[in-house]
Every structure is written in structure tokens, then in C-alpha cells.
Amino acid sequence: MIIQITDKLKDNGSFADVLGLVKHIAGIADNKNASYIKIMDMSARLIITDYFLVVSARNQRATRAIENEIAFQLKKMGILPISVSGSSEGNWILMDYDDFIIHIFTDEYRKYYDLERLWKDSKAIDYAPEDKGEPGKE
């Protein structure tokens, strides 16, 4: 049985909503030197998820480091992914957490696949380093 992230957030009270958690994850990627971070509201476009977090880094080693840190931090909160793919190659890592999906690209792959253009009708949510969303500060 999959426990919804919204239920987990209510249980531990660390974030007001899923968007607060996604911003916190963006902060984790930022702390791991992500070169690009964008949050997209997909709730009006897709029924499978509410948010995309698109992140890129210089190389495969950096994408894997970002993936590992995100997985570690979320696991500490009791939040596990439904699936993770692309880790072995590291060019495009997809982490599916049901309410949000994290795409971690190398810079080259992000520019090539250009998800932002593909989903350009989706609302972009501003992320700034001060939005790192530390627990209890949402």
C-alpha cells in the first residue's frame, strides 16, 4: 500500500503542503550545486502528479550525488519513491514520489529534452535559494 505524501506531511507536521516539500527538495539540490532548478505545477495538465521538479548538474557524478542526497533526506522523513530510474547512467534520473516527480538531468540532457518547452503551458513556480523550505518555516 502506498502512503500518500500528504498523509506523511500531516503526520510529521514539517511542511504545510506538498509544494513546501518540493521547495525543500529544490533546496537540497541547490545545496548539492545543481546548476538549474525549476518547479512546474502540473496539476492542471496531468492526473498522475501535481509537480515536476526539473534539476540539472554538470555531469553524471553530480546528478547521482543530488539523487542520493534527496533520497536520503526524504527517507529520513519516511517518504520513499514509487520508482527511480536512470541512476546507473546518470544522464536523466527520474524519481517518482506520486505527488511530485523529480527529473535530474546532466546539463546537456536537460537542454536536449527541454521538458520546460514541452510543458510550456504549465505554471512555473519561482524558486529562490531563500525558499529552501526548512521544516517548520513554511
Protein backbone atom coordinates (compact mmCIF):
# COMPACT_ATOMS: atom_id res chain seq x y z
CA MET A 1 0.00 0.00 0.00
CA ILE A 2 1.31 3.43 -0.95
CA ILE A 3 1.01 6.07 1.74
CA GLN A 4 0.25 9.45 0.21
CA ILE A 5 2.81 12.14 0.84
CA THR A 6 0.09 14.46 2.07
CA ASP A 7 -0.63 11.94 4.84
CA LYS A 8 3.08 11.86 5.77
CA LEU A 9 3.18 15.66 5.90
CA LYS A 10 0.22 15.71 8.26
CA ASP A 11 1.85 13.05 10.46
CA ASN A 12 5.19 14.79 10.93
CA GLY A 13 3.96 18.39 10.56
CA SER A 14 7.16 19.54 8.87
CA PHE A 15 5.60 21.18 5.78
CA ALA A 16 2.28 22.89 5.19
CA ASP A 17 1.75 21.20 1.82
CA VAL A 18 3.38 19.25 -0.98
CA LEU A 19 4.67 22.44 -2.63
CA GLY A 20 6.55 23.29 0.56
CA LEU A 21 8.18 19.87 0.42
CA VAL A 22 9.06 20.29 -3.27
CA LYS A 23 10.70 23.64 -2.49
CA HIS A 24 12.63 21.96 0.31
CA ILE A 25 13.85 19.32 -2.16
CA ALA A 26 14.86 22.09 -4.57
CA GLY A 27 16.95 23.48 -1.71
CA ILE A 28 18.60 20.10 -1.24
CA ALA A 29 19.52 20.08 -4.95
CA ASP A 30 20.76 23.66 -4.65
CA ASN A 31 22.98 22.70 -1.71
CA LYS A 32 24.44 19.93 -3.87
CA ASN A 33 25.40 22.52 -6.51
CA ALA A 34 22.63 21.94 -9.05
CA SER A 35 23.20 24.27 -11.99
CA TYR A 36 19.49 24.60 -12.84
CA ILE A 37 16.30 24.26 -10.78
CA LYS A 38 12.72 24.73 -11.93
CA ILE A 39 9.43 23.75 -10.30
CA MET A 40 6.43 23.26 -12.57
CA ASP A 41 2.81 22.98 -11.44
CA MET A 42 1.41 20.06 -13.43
CA SER A 43 -1.89 19.69 -11.56
CA ALA A 44 -3.97 21.29 -14.32
CA ARG A 45 -2.22 19.27 -17.07
CA LEU A 46 -1.71 15.78 -15.65
CA ILE A 47 -3.69 13.48 -13.41
CA ILE A 48 -0.67 11.41 -12.41
CA THR A 49 1.21 14.09 -10.45
CA ASP A 50 0.98 17.65 -9.16
CA TYR A 51 4.54 18.93 -9.61
CA PHE A 52 7.65 18.39 -11.70
CA LEU A 53 10.97 19.40 -10.20
CA VAL A 54 13.49 19.77 -13.02
CA VAL A 55 17.11 19.88 -11.91
CA SER A 56 20.37 19.68 -13.79
CA ALA A 57 24.01 19.37 -12.90
CA ARG A 58 27.36 19.45 -14.69
CA ASN A 59 27.93 15.73 -15.01
CA GLN A 60 26.69 12.24 -14.12
CA ARG A 61 28.56 12.14 -10.85
CA ALA A 62 26.82 15.34 -9.76
CA THR A 63 23.37 14.08 -10.81
CA ARG A 64 23.87 10.90 -8.78
CA ALA A 65 25.04 12.93 -5.77
CA ILE A 66 21.86 15.04 -5.98
CA GLU A 67 19.71 11.92 -6.31
CA ASN A 68 21.40 10.24 -3.34
CA GLU A 69 21.01 13.27 -1.08
CA ILE A 70 17.35 13.78 -1.99
CA ALA A 71 16.59 10.09 -1.41
CA PHE A 72 18.47 10.14 1.91
CA GLN A 73 16.72 13.26 3.22
CA LEU A 74 13.25 12.09 2.18
CA LYS A 75 13.82 8.61 3.61
CA LYS A 76 14.63 10.24 6.98
CA MET A 77 11.13 11.76 6.77
CA GLY A 78 9.61 8.37 5.95
CA ILE A 79 8.96 9.32 2.31
CA LEU A 80 10.00 6.70 -0.23
CA PRO A 81 9.75 6.86 -4.02
CA ILE A 82 7.35 4.74 -6.03
CA SER A 83 10.15 4.21 -8.52
CA VAL A 84 13.55 5.53 -9.54
CA SER A 85 15.06 5.05 -12.98
CA GLY A 86 18.18 6.19 -14.79
CA SER A 87 20.53 6.07 -11.81
CA SER A 88 23.04 3.76 -13.44
CA GLU A 89 23.52 6.04 -16.46
CA GLY A 90 23.06 9.30 -14.57
CA ASN A 91 22.12 11.44 -17.58
CA TRP A 92 18.39 11.57 -16.73
CA ILE A 93 17.33 10.28 -13.34
CA LEU A 94 13.62 10.15 -12.67
CA MET A 95 12.38 9.87 -9.09
CA ASP A 96 8.61 9.32 -8.84
CA TYR A 97 7.07 10.27 -5.50
CA ASP A 98 3.46 10.20 -6.80
CA ASP A 99 2.52 13.78 -5.78
CA PHE A 100 5.67 15.07 -7.47
CA ILE A 101 8.24 13.77 -9.93
CA ILE A 102 11.89 14.79 -9.83
CA HIS A 103 13.83 14.90 -13.10
CA ILE A 104 17.59 15.17 -12.56
CA PHE A 105 19.49 15.76 -15.81
CA THR A 106 23.00 16.48 -16.85
CA ASP A 107 23.03 20.00 -18.33
CA GLU A 108 23.41 18.55 -21.83
CA TYR A 109 20.41 16.21 -21.48
CA ARG A 110 18.21 18.90 -19.95
CA LYS A 111 18.84 21.20 -22.89
CA TYR A 112 18.25 18.37 -25.37
CA TYR A 113 14.97 17.08 -23.91
CA ASP A 114 13.77 20.57 -22.88
CA LEU A 115 10.82 19.50 -20.70
CA GLU A 116 10.10 23.13 -19.97
CA ARG A 117 9.30 23.74 -23.64
CA LEU A 118 7.26 20.55 -23.89
CA TRP A 119 5.17 21.59 -20.87
CA LYS A 120 5.36 25.36 -21.51
CA ASP A 121 1.64 25.78 -20.75
CA SER A 122 2.23 24.64 -17.17
CA LYS A 123 2.66 27.22 -14.45
CA ALA A 124 6.25 27.76 -13.38
CA ILE A 125 6.74 28.26 -9.66
CA ASP A 126 9.51 30.57 -8.62
CA TYR A 127 12.28 29.04 -6.61
CA ALA A 128 14.90 31.15 -4.92
CA PRO A 129 17.60 29.93 -2.52
CA GLU A 130 15.69 31.50 0.38
CA ASP A 131 12.82 29.06 -0.46
CA LYS A 132 14.83 26.10 0.79
CA GLY A 133 11.86 25.30 2.95
CA GLU A 134 13.37 24.24 6.22
CA PRO A 135 10.91 22.24 8.29
CA GLY A 136 8.53 24.38 10.27
CA LYS A 137 9.24 27.52 8.26
CA GLU A 138 6.54 27.15 5.60
